[in-house]
Amino acid sequence: SLYRELMGIEQIEGTNMAASFGHLVGYGGRYYGYLWSEVISLDMFSARFGVEGILNKKTGEEYRDLILAPGGSQDAEVMITNFLGRQANQDAFLRSKGLEV
């Protein structure tokens, strides 16, 4: 059966895996947020650390001062824009998935 092929075991009679699989039920908003964090982190790494160097002191200090230090006192979009010098975009994320931009 397809279930056995995918799961590696026989389906247990009277169960419905899709109805109890947490990633399919009630996880959508959290997964969406997780993906956006990946989009933003790849953009920041690609645009700043990837260009200026991962051990670049100035870049590290700006990351600390503009992203870490404000914490929750500023809107995330403001902090990201301050660090990048522009609004975040999805180009680095799409490239990481093998897509052309």
PDB file of N, CA and C in Angstrom:
ATOM      1  N   SER A   1       0.835  -1.188   0.000  1.00  0.00           N
ATOM      2  CA  SER A   1       0.000   0.000   0.000  1.00  0.00           C
ATOM      3  C   SER A   1       0.880   1.250   0.000  1.00  0.00           C
ATOM      4  N   LEU A   2       0.292   2.371  -0.371  1.00  0.00           N
ATOM      5  CA  LEU A   2       1.015   3.651  -0.370  1.00  0.00           C
ATOM      6  C   LEU A   2       1.452   4.005   1.043  1.00  0.00           C
ATOM      7  N   TYR A   3       0.596   3.741   2.010  1.00  0.00           N
ATOM      8  CA  TYR A   3       0.931   4.018   3.413  1.00  0.00           C
ATOM      9  C   TYR A   3       2.203   3.273   3.809  1.00  0.00           C
ATOM     10  N   ARG A   4       2.262   1.991   3.493  1.00  0.00           N
ATOM     11  CA  ARG A   4       3.447   1.181   3.831  1.00  0.00           C
ATOM     12  C   ARG A   4       4.679   1.716   3.117  1.00  0.00           C
ATOM     13  N   GLU A   5       4.515   2.090   1.859  1.00  0.00           N
ATOM     14  CA  GLU A   5       5.640   2.612   1.075  1.00  0.00           C
ATOM     15  C   GLU A   5       6.181   3.910   1.690  1.00  0.00           C
ATOM     16  N   LEU A   6       5.292   4.785   2.129  1.00  0.00           N
ATOM     17  CA  LEU A   6       5.708   6.077   2.683  1.00  0.00           C
ATOM     18  C   LEU A   6       6.166   5.989   4.134  1.00  0.00           C
ATOM     19  N   MET A   7       5.450   5.197   4.934  1.00  0.00           N
ATOM     20  CA  MET A   7       5.703   5.154   6.370  1.00  0.00           C
ATOM     21  C   MET A   7       6.614   4.010   6.805  1.00  0.00           C
ATOM     22  N   GLY A   8       6.722   2.969   5.981  1.00  0.00           N
ATOM     23  CA  GLY A   8       7.563   1.833   6.331  1.00  0.00           C
ATOM     24  C   GLY A   8       6.900   0.820   7.241  1.00  0.00           C
ATOM     25  N   ILE A   9       5.637   1.037   7.553  1.00  0.00           N
ATOM     26  CA  ILE A   9       4.872   0.093   8.378  1.00  0.00           C
ATOM     27  C   ILE A   9       3.466  -0.016   7.800  1.00  0.00           C
ATOM     28  N   GLU A  10       2.762  -1.062   8.211  1.00  0.00           N
ATOM     29  CA  GLU A  10       1.373  -1.202   7.789  1.00  0.00           C
ATOM     30  C   GLU A  10       0.510  -0.214   8.562  1.00  0.00           C
ATOM     31  N   GLN A  11      -0.536   0.261   7.915  1.00  0.00           N
ATOM     32  CA  GLN A  11      -1.455   1.168   8.592  1.00  0.00           C
ATOM     33  C   GLN A  11      -2.209   0.418   9.681  1.00  0.00           C
ATOM     34  N   ILE A  12      -2.362   1.045  10.829  1.00  0.00           N
ATOM     35  CA  ILE A  12      -3.084   0.447  11.939  1.00  0.00           C
ATOM     36  C   ILE A  12      -4.572   0.650  11.700  1.00  0.00           C
ATOM     37  N   GLU A  13      -5.309  -0.435  11.703  1.00  0.00           N
ATOM     38  CA  GLU A  13      -6.736  -0.375  11.423  1.00  0.00           C
ATOM     39  C   GLU A  13      -7.449   0.567  12.387  1.00  0.00           C
ATOM     40  N   GLY A  14      -8.334   1.388  11.843  1.00  0.00           N
ATOM     41  CA  GLY A  14      -9.108   2.314  12.661  1.00  0.00           C
ATOM     42  C   GLY A  14      -8.430   3.645  12.915  1.00  0.00           C
ATOM     43  N   THR A  15      -7.247   3.833  12.328  1.00  0.00           N
ATOM     44  CA  THR A  15      -6.552   5.115  12.507  1.00  0.00           C
ATOM     45  C   THR A  15      -6.567   5.902  11.213  1.00  0.00           C
ATOM     46  N   ASN A  16      -6.343   7.182  11.344  1.00  0.00           N
ATOM     47  CA  ASN A  16      -6.247   8.068  10.192  1.00  0.00           C
ATOM     48  C   ASN A  16      -5.088   9.017  10.449  1.00  0.00           C
ATOM     49  N   MET A  17      -3.920   8.662   9.943  1.00  0.00           N
ATOM     50  CA  MET A  17      -2.715   9.426  10.226  1.00  0.00           C
ATOM     51  C   MET A  17      -2.855  10.898   9.846  1.00  0.00           C
ATOM     52  N   ALA A  18      -3.490  11.192   8.724  1.00  0.00           N
ATOM     53  CA  ALA A  18      -3.611  12.575   8.282  1.00  0.00           C
ATOM     54  C   ALA A  18      -4.410  13.423   9.262  1.00  0.00           C
ATOM     55  N   ALA A  19      -5.331  12.808   9.979  1.00  0.00           N
ATOM     56  CA  ALA A  19      -6.161  13.548  10.938  1.00  0.00           C
ATOM     57  C   ALA A  19      -5.418  13.863  12.223  1.00  0.00           C
ATOM     58  N   SER A  20      -4.284  13.214  12.465  1.00  0.00           N
ATOM     59  CA  SER A  20      -3.559  13.441  13.712  1.00  0.00           C
ATOM     60  C   SER A  20      -2.131  13.939  13.497  1.00  0.00           C
ATOM     61  N   PHE A  21      -1.767  14.171  12.269  1.00  0.00           N
ATOM     62  CA  PHE A  21      -0.408  14.626  11.968  1.00  0.00           C
ATOM     63  C   PHE A  21      -0.348  16.132  12.190  1.00  0.00           C
ATOM     64  N   GLY A  22       0.365  16.566  13.223  1.00  0.00           N
ATOM     65  CA  GLY A  22       0.388  17.967  13.632  1.00  0.00           C
ATOM     66  C   GLY A  22       0.787  18.959  12.562  1.00  0.00           C
ATOM     67  N   HIS A  23       1.639  18.568  11.635  1.00  0.00           N
ATOM     68  CA  HIS A  23       2.071  19.493  10.595  1.00  0.00           C
ATOM     69  C   HIS A  23       0.964  19.798   9.587  1.00  0.00           C
ATOM     70  N   LEU A  24      -0.055  18.978   9.571  1.00  0.00           N
ATOM     71  CA  LEU A  24      -1.167  19.212   8.649  1.00  0.00           C
ATOM     72  C   LEU A  24      -2.345  19.886   9.334  1.00  0.00           C
ATOM     73  N   VAL A  25      -2.401  19.816  10.649  1.00  0.00           N
ATOM     74  CA  VAL A  25      -3.541  20.351  11.380  1.00  0.00           C
ATOM     75  C   VAL A  25      -3.051  21.418  12.354  1.00  0.00           C
ATOM     76  N   GLY A  26      -3.387  22.674  12.097  1.00  0.00           N
ATOM     77  CA  GLY A  26      -3.079  23.743  13.041  1.00  0.00           C
ATOM     78  C   GLY A  26      -1.647  24.242  13.034  1.00  0.00           C
ATOM     79  N   TYR A  27      -0.849  23.858  12.092  1.00  0.00           N
ATOM     80  CA  TYR A  27       0.552  24.249  12.083  1.00  0.00           C
ATOM     81  C   TYR A  27       0.835  25.338  11.053  1.00  0.00           C
ATOM     82  N   GLY A  28      -0.124  25.615  10.185  1.00  0.00           N
ATOM     83  CA  GLY A  28       0.084  26.509   9.053  1.00  0.00           C
ATOM     84  C   GLY A  28       0.699  27.846   9.395  1.00  0.00           C
ATOM     85  N   GLY A  29       0.149  28.557  10.375  1.00  0.00           N
ATOM     86  CA  GLY A  29       0.658  29.881  10.726  1.00  0.00           C
ATOM     87  C   GLY A  29       2.067  29.835  11.271  1.00  0.00           C
ATOM     88  N   ARG A  30       2.364  28.844  12.059  1.00  0.00           N
ATOM     89  CA  ARG A  30       3.719  28.713  12.611  1.00  0.00           C
ATOM     90  C   ARG A  30       4.720  28.378  11.513  1.00  0.00           C
ATOM     91  N   TYR A  31       4.320  27.532  10.588  1.00  0.00           N
ATOM     92  CA  TYR A  31       5.228  27.185   9.494  1.00  0.00           C
ATOM     93  C   TYR A  31       5.470  28.394   8.604  1.00  0.00           C
ATOM     94  N   TYR A  32       4.442  29.181   8.361  1.00  0.00           N
ATOM     95  CA  TYR A  32       4.566  30.412   7.578  1.00  0.00           C
ATOM     96  C   TYR A  32       5.572  31.353   8.244  1.00  0.00           C
ATOM     97  N   GLY A  33       5.469  31.517   9.569  1.00  0.00           N
ATOM     98  CA  GLY A  33       6.412  32.359  10.302  1.00  0.00           C
ATOM     99  C   GLY A  33       7.826  31.813  10.232  1.00  0.00           C
ATOM    100  N   TYR A  34       7.964  30.496  10.336  1.00  0.00           N
ATOM    101  CA  TYR A  34       9.277  29.860  10.234  1.00  0.00           C
ATOM    102  C   TYR A  34       9.895  30.129   8.868  1.00  0.00           C
ATOM    103  N   LEU A  35       9.102  30.002   7.811  1.00  0.00           N
ATOM    104  CA  LEU A  35       9.632  30.252   6.467  1.00  0.00           C
ATOM    105  C   LEU A  35      10.068  31.696   6.300  1.00  0.00           C
ATOM    106  N   TRP A  36       9.299  32.644   6.843  1.00  0.00           N
ATOM    107  CA  TRP A  36       9.702  34.047   6.728  1.00  0.00           C
ATOM    108  C   TRP A  36      10.983  34.309   7.498  1.00  0.00           C
ATOM    109  N   SER A  37      11.193  33.649   8.623  1.00  0.00           N
ATOM    110  CA  SER A  37      12.462  33.827   9.340  1.00  0.00           C
ATOM    111  C   SER A  37      13.620  33.306   8.502  1.00  0.00           C
ATOM    112  N   GLU A  38      13.384  32.244   7.747  1.00  0.00           N
ATOM    113  CA  GLU A  38      14.431  31.725   6.854  1.00  0.00           C
ATOM    114  C   GLU A  38      14.683  32.703   5.706  1.00  0.00           C
ATOM    115  N   VAL A  39      13.631  33.273   5.148  1.00  0.00           N
ATOM    116  CA  VAL A  39      13.773  34.266   4.075  1.00  0.00           C
ATOM    117  C   VAL A  39      14.633  35.431   4.561  1.00  0.00           C
ATOM    118  N   ILE A  40      14.310  35.957   5.734  1.00  0.00           N
ATOM    119  CA  ILE A  40      15.009  37.131   6.257  1.00  0.00           C
ATOM    120  C   ILE A  40      16.446  36.796   6.634  1.00  0.00           C
ATOM    121  N   SER A  41      16.672  35.661   7.281  1.00  0.00           N
ATOM    122  CA  SER A  41      18.037  35.316   7.681  1.00  0.00           C
ATOM    123  C   SER A  41      18.928  35.067   6.470  1.00  0.00           C
ATOM    124  N   LEU A  42      18.404  34.419   5.440  1.00  0.00           N
ATOM    125  CA  LEU A  42      19.201  34.204   4.232  1.00  0.00           C
ATOM    126  C   LEU A  42      19.486  35.524   3.526  1.00  0.00           C
ATOM    127  N   ASP A  43      18.532  36.433   3.535  1.00  0.00           N
ATOM    128  CA  ASP A  43      18.738  37.747   2.936  1.00  0.00           C
ATOM    129  C   ASP A  43      19.825  38.509   3.692  1.00  0.00           C
ATOM    130  N   MET A  44      19.746  38.525   5.021  1.00  0.00           N
ATOM    131  CA  MET A  44      20.753  39.243   5.811  1.00  0.00           C
ATOM    132  C   MET A  44      22.137  38.626   5.625  1.00  0.00           C
ATOM    133  N   PHE A  45      22.193  37.296   5.644  1.00  0.00           N
ATOM    134  CA  PHE A  45      23.502  36.655   5.482  1.00  0.00           C
ATOM    135  C   PHE A  45      24.070  36.928   4.096  1.00  0.00           C
ATOM    136  N   SER A  46      23.257  36.750   3.080  1.00  0.00           N
ATOM    137  CA  SER A  46      23.703  36.930   1.700  1.00  0.00           C
ATOM    138  C   SER A  46      24.128  38.367   1.427  1.00  0.00           C
ATOM    139  N   ALA A  47      23.315  39.311   1.866  1.00  0.00           N
ATOM    140  CA  ALA A  47      23.558  40.718   1.549  1.00  0.00           C
ATOM    141  C   ALA A  47      24.688  41.335   2.353  1.00  0.00           C
ATOM    142  N   ARG A  48      24.855  40.924   3.578  1.00  0.00           N
ATOM    143  CA  ARG A  48      25.862  41.555   4.420  1.00  0.00           C
ATOM    144  C   ARG A  48      27.049  40.634   4.699  1.00  0.00           C
ATOM    145  N   PHE A  49      26.800  39.531   5.423  1.00  0.00           N
ATOM    146  CA  PHE A  49      27.913  38.660   5.806  1.00  0.00           C
ATOM    147  C   PHE A  49      28.537  37.968   4.607  1.00  0.00           C
ATOM    148  N   GLY A  50      27.729  37.590   3.629  1.00  0.00           N
ATOM    149  CA  GLY A  50      28.253  36.943   2.436  1.00  0.00           C
ATOM    150  C   GLY A  50      29.115  37.855   1.602  1.00  0.00           C
ATOM    151  N   VAL A  51      28.829  39.149   1.633  1.00  0.00           N
ATOM    152  CA  VAL A  51      29.584  40.137   0.855  1.00  0.00           C
ATOM    153  C   VAL A  51      30.759  40.678   1.665  1.00  0.00           C
ATOM    154  N   GLU A  52      30.503  41.044   2.916  1.00  0.00           N
ATOM    155  CA  GLU A  52      31.514  41.722   3.740  1.00  0.00           C
ATOM    156  C   GLU A  52      32.379  40.757   4.543  1.00  0.00           C
ATOM    157  N   GLY A  53      31.960  39.510   4.616  1.00  0.00           N
ATOM    158  CA  GLY A  53      32.722  38.506   5.354  1.00  0.00           C
ATOM    159  C   GLY A  53      32.074  38.185   6.680  1.00  0.00           C
ATOM    160  N   ILE A  54      32.043  36.917   6.993  1.00  0.00           N
ATOM    161  CA  ILE A  54      31.370  36.472   8.211  1.00  0.00           C
ATOM    162  C   ILE A  54      32.094  36.950   9.473  1.00  0.00           C
ATOM    163  N   LEU A  55      33.373  37.231   9.364  1.00  0.00           N
ATOM    164  CA  LEU A  55      34.136  37.703  10.527  1.00  0.00           C
ATOM    165  C   LEU A  55      34.420  39.199  10.461  1.00  0.00           C
ATOM    166  N   ASN A  56      33.730  39.915   9.590  1.00  0.00           N
ATOM    167  CA  ASN A  56      33.921  41.352   9.464  1.00  0.00           C
ATOM    168  C   ASN A  56      33.434  42.043  10.740  1.00  0.00           C
ATOM    169  N   LYS A  57      34.337  42.764  11.401  1.00  0.00           N
ATOM    170  CA  LYS A  57      34.015  43.378  12.688  1.00  0.00           C
ATOM    171  C   LYS A  57      32.887  44.400  12.569  1.00  0.00           C
ATOM    172  N   LYS A  58      32.938  45.256  11.564  1.00  0.00           N
ATOM    173  CA  LYS A  58      31.914  46.298  11.392  1.00  0.00           C
ATOM    174  C   LYS A  58      30.537  45.672  11.160  1.00  0.00           C
ATOM    175  N   THR A  59      30.489  44.637  10.331  1.00  0.00           N
ATOM    176  CA  THR A  59      29.215  43.969  10.052  1.00  0.00           C
ATOM    177  C   THR A  59      28.668  43.315  11.320  1.00  0.00           C
ATOM    178  N   GLY A  60      29.533  42.658  12.064  1.00  0.00           N
ATOM    179  CA  GLY A  60      29.121  42.028  13.316  1.00  0.00           C
ATOM    180  C   GLY A  60      28.611  43.034  14.331  1.00  0.00           C
ATOM    181  N   GLU A  61      29.305  44.170  14.432  1.00  0.00           N
ATOM    182  CA  GLU A  61      28.867  45.215  15.364  1.00  0.00           C
ATOM    183  C   GLU A  61      27.522  45.795  14.938  1.00  0.00           C
ATOM    184  N   GLU A  62      27.329  45.997  13.637  1.00  0.00           N
ATOM    185  CA  GLU A  62      26.045  46.516  13.163  1.00  0.00           C
ATOM    186  C   GLU A  62      24.921  45.499  13.389  1.00  0.00           C
ATOM    187  N   TYR A  63      25.215  44.227  13.212  1.00  0.00           N
ATOM    188  CA  TYR A  63      24.220  43.189  13.500  1.00  0.00           C
ATOM    189  C   TYR A  63      23.848  43.240  14.978  1.00  0.00           C
ATOM    190  N   ARG A  64      24.857  43.329  15.822  1.00  0.00           N
ATOM    191  CA  ARG A  64      24.609  43.412  17.267  1.00  0.00           C
ATOM    192  C   ARG A  64      23.790  44.659  17.611  1.00  0.00           C
ATOM    193  N   ASP A  65      24.217  45.813  17.093  1.00  0.00           N
ATOM    194  CA  ASP A  65      23.585  47.082  17.450  1.00  0.00           C
ATOM    195  C   ASP A  65      22.205  47.273  16.825  1.00  0.00           C
ATOM    196  N   LEU A  66      22.021  46.781  15.585  1.00  0.00           N
ATOM    197  CA  LEU A  66      20.780  47.057  14.865  1.00  0.00           C
ATOM    198  C   LEU A  66      19.738  45.937  14.949  1.00  0.00           C
ATOM    199  N   ILE A  67      20.196  44.708  15.216  1.00  0.00           N
ATOM    200  CA  ILE A  67      19.263  43.572  15.278  1.00  0.00           C
ATOM    201  C   ILE A  67      19.124  43.042  16.708  1.00  0.00           C
ATOM    202  N   LEU A  68      20.228  42.721  17.340  1.00  0.00           N
ATOM    203  CA  LEU A  68      20.165  42.087  18.660  1.00  0.00           C
ATOM    204  C   LEU A  68      19.847  43.067  19.787  1.00  0.00           C
ATOM    205  N   ALA A  69      20.516  44.207  19.818  1.00  0.00           N
ATOM    206  CA  ALA A  69      20.362  45.142  20.937  1.00  0.00           C
ATOM    207  C   ALA A  69      18.943  45.687  21.091  1.00  0.00           C
ATOM    208  N   PRO A  70      18.273  46.084  20.014  1.00  0.00           N
ATOM    209  CA  PRO A  70      16.917  46.622  20.202  1.00  0.00           C
ATOM    210  C   PRO A  70      15.914  45.583  20.701  1.00  0.00           C
ATOM    211  N   GLY A  71      16.176  44.308  20.415  1.00  0.00           N
ATOM    212  CA  GLY A  71      15.259  43.263  20.868  1.00  0.00           C
ATOM    213  C   GLY A  71      13.843  43.532  20.422  1.00  0.00           C
ATOM    214  N   GLY A  72      12.914  43.508  21.348  1.00  0.00           N
ATOM    215  CA  GLY A  72      11.512  43.747  21.028  1.00  0.00           C
ATOM    216  C   GLY A  72      11.098  45.203  21.113  1.00  0.00           C
ATOM    217  N   SER A  73      12.068  46.113  21.293  1.00  0.00           N
ATOM    218  CA  SER A  73      11.718  47.527  21.439  1.00  0.00           C
ATOM    219  C   SER A  73      11.427  48.205  20.104  1.00  0.00           C
ATOM    220  N   GLN A  74      11.798  47.562  18.995  1.00  0.00           N
ATOM    221  CA  GLN A  74      11.519  48.091  17.661  1.00  0.00           C
ATOM    222  C   GLN A  74      10.810  47.023  16.839  1.00  0.00           C
ATOM    223  N   ASP A  75      10.069  47.478  15.863  1.00  0.00           N
ATOM    224  CA  ASP A  75       9.435  46.557  14.939  1.00  0.00           C
ATOM    225  C   ASP A  75      10.519  45.807  14.159  1.00  0.00           C
ATOM    226  N   ALA A  76      10.326  44.525  13.940  1.00  0.00           N
ATOM    227  CA  ALA A  76      11.331  43.709  13.240  1.00  0.00           C
ATOM    228  C   ALA A  76      11.635  44.264  11.856  1.00  0.00           C
ATOM    229  N   GLU A  77      10.632  44.737  11.153  1.00  0.00           N
ATOM    230  CA  GLU A  77      10.857  45.269   9.807  1.00  0.00           C
ATOM    231  C   GLU A  77      11.789  46.482   9.838  1.00  0.00           C
ATOM    232  N   VAL A  78      11.657  47.317  10.860  1.00  0.00           N
ATOM    233  CA  VAL A  78      12.526  48.488  11.010  1.00  0.00           C
ATOM    234  C   VAL A  78      13.969  48.041  11.254  1.00  0.00           C
ATOM    235  N   MET A  79      14.153  47.079  12.162  1.00  0.00           N
ATOM    236  CA  MET A  79      15.506  46.601  12.463  1.00  0.00           C
ATOM    237  C   MET A  79      16.161  45.988  11.233  1.00  0.00           C
ATOM    238  N   ILE A  80      15.416  45.179  10.500  1.00  0.00           N
ATOM    239  CA  ILE A  80      15.958  44.521   9.311  1.00  0.00           C
ATOM    240  C   ILE A  80      16.314  45.553   8.245  1.00  0.00           C
ATOM    241  N   THR A  81      15.434  46.521   8.033  1.00  0.00           N
ATOM    242  CA  THR A  81      15.697  47.578   7.052  1.00  0.00           C
ATOM    243  C   THR A  81      16.922  48.389   7.453  1.00  0.00           C
ATOM    244  N   ASN A  82      17.060  48.682   8.734  1.00  0.00           N
ATOM    245  CA  ASN A  82      18.241  49.416   9.202  1.00  0.00           C
ATOM    246  C   ASN A  82      19.520  48.628   8.927  1.00  0.00           C
ATOM    247  N   PHE A  83      19.484  47.322   9.159  1.00  0.00           N
ATOM    248  CA  PHE A  83      20.674  46.496   8.960  1.00  0.00           C
ATOM    249  C   PHE A  83      21.013  46.322   7.485  1.00  0.00           C
ATOM    250  N   LEU A  84      19.992  46.097   6.671  1.00  0.00           N
ATOM    251  CA  LEU A  84      20.229  45.847   5.243  1.00  0.00           C
ATOM    252  C   LEU A  84      20.396  47.131   4.432  1.00  0.00           C
ATOM    253  N   GLY A  85      19.852  48.228   4.938  1.00  0.00           N
ATOM    254  CA  GLY A  85      19.857  49.462   4.164  1.00  0.00           C
ATOM    255  C   GLY A  85      18.777  49.461   3.091  1.00  0.00           C
ATOM    256  N   ARG A  86      17.856  48.521   3.193  1.00  0.00           N
ATOM    257  CA  ARG A  86      16.738  48.365   2.256  1.00  0.00           C
ATOM    258  C   ARG A  86      15.750  47.400   2.889  1.00  0.00           C
ATOM    259  N   GLN A  87      14.581  47.262   2.283  1.00  0.00           N
ATOM    260  CA  GLN A  87      13.630  46.265   2.773  1.00  0.00           C
ATOM    261  C   GLN A  87      14.116  44.863   2.413  1.00  0.00           C
ATOM    262  N   ALA A  88      13.771  43.915   3.233  1.00  0.00           N
ATOM    263  CA  ALA A  88      14.140  42.518   2.969  1.00  0.00           C
ATOM    264  C   ALA A  88      13.446  42.033   1.700  1.00  0.00           C
ATOM    265  N   ASN A  89      14.089  41.090   1.021  1.00  0.00           N
ATOM    266  CA  ASN A  89      13.454  40.463  -0.145  1.00  0.00           C
ATOM    267  C   ASN A  89      13.725  38.970  -0.114  1.00  0.00           C
ATOM    268  N   GLN A  90      13.088  38.244  -1.003  1.00  0.00           N
ATOM    269  CA  GLN A  90      13.154  36.783  -0.992  1.00  0.00           C
ATOM    270  C   GLN A  90      14.171  36.199  -1.965  1.00  0.00           C
ATOM    271  N   ASP A  91      14.988  37.016  -2.602  1.00  0.00           N
ATOM    272  CA  ASP A  91      15.899  36.517  -3.631  1.00  0.00           C
ATOM    273  C   ASP A  91      16.860  35.441  -3.118  1.00  0.00           C
ATOM    274  N   ALA A  92      17.509  35.680  -1.980  1.00  0.00           N
ATOM    275  CA  ALA A  92      18.460  34.688  -1.444  1.00  0.00           C
ATOM    276  C   ALA A  92      17.753  33.391  -1.082  1.00  0.00           C
ATOM    277  N   PHE A  93      16.545  33.486  -0.555  1.00  0.00           N
ATOM    278  CA  PHE A  93      15.757  32.302  -0.219  1.00  0.00           C
ATOM    279  C   PHE A  93      15.447  31.495  -1.471  1.00  0.00           C
ATOM    280  N   LEU A  94      14.993  32.175  -2.514  1.00  0.00           N
ATOM    281  CA  LEU A  94      14.659  31.475  -3.757  1.00  0.00           C
ATOM    282  C   LEU A  94      15.893  30.819  -4.365  1.00  0.00           C
ATOM    283  N   ARG A  95      17.039  31.505  -4.334  1.00  0.00           N
ATOM    284  CA  ARG A  95      18.289  30.907  -4.837  1.00  0.00           C
ATOM    285  C   ARG A  95      18.667  29.681  -4.020  1.00  0.00           C
ATOM    286  N   SER A  96      18.427  29.722  -2.692  1.00  0.00           N
ATOM    287  CA  SER A  96      18.772  28.586  -1.838  1.00  0.00           C
ATOM    288  C   SER A  96      17.917  27.358  -2.177  1.00  0.00           C
ATOM    289  N   LYS A  97      16.782  27.575  -2.799  1.00  0.00           N
ATOM    290  CA  LYS A  97      15.906  26.483  -3.204  1.00  0.00           C
ATOM    291  C   LYS A  97      16.133  26.083  -4.660  1.00  0.00           C
ATOM    292  N   GLY A  98      17.174  26.670  -5.288  1.00  0.00           N
ATOM    293  CA  GLY A  98      17.518  26.308  -6.656  1.00  0.00           C
ATOM    294  C   GLY A  98      16.731  27.038  -7.724  1.00  0.00           C
ATOM    295  N   LEU A  99      16.065  28.118  -7.339  1.00  0.00           N
ATOM    296  CA  LEU A  99      15.266  28.877  -8.291  1.00  0.00           C
ATOM    297  C   LEU A  99      16.039  30.095  -8.790  1.00  0.00           C
ATOM    298  N   GLU A 100      15.828  30.456 -10.027  1.00  0.00           N
ATOM    299  CA  GLU A 100      16.470  31.648 -10.569  1.00  0.00           C
ATOM    300  C   GLU A 100      15.651  32.875 -10.206  1.00  0.00           C
ATOM    301  N   VAL A 101      16.337  33.961  -9.907  1.00  0.00           N
ATOM    302  CA  VAL A 101      15.637  35.217  -9.613  1.00  0.00           C
ATOM    303  C   VAL A 101      16.081  36.303 -10.560  1.00  0.00           C
TER     304      VAL A 101
END
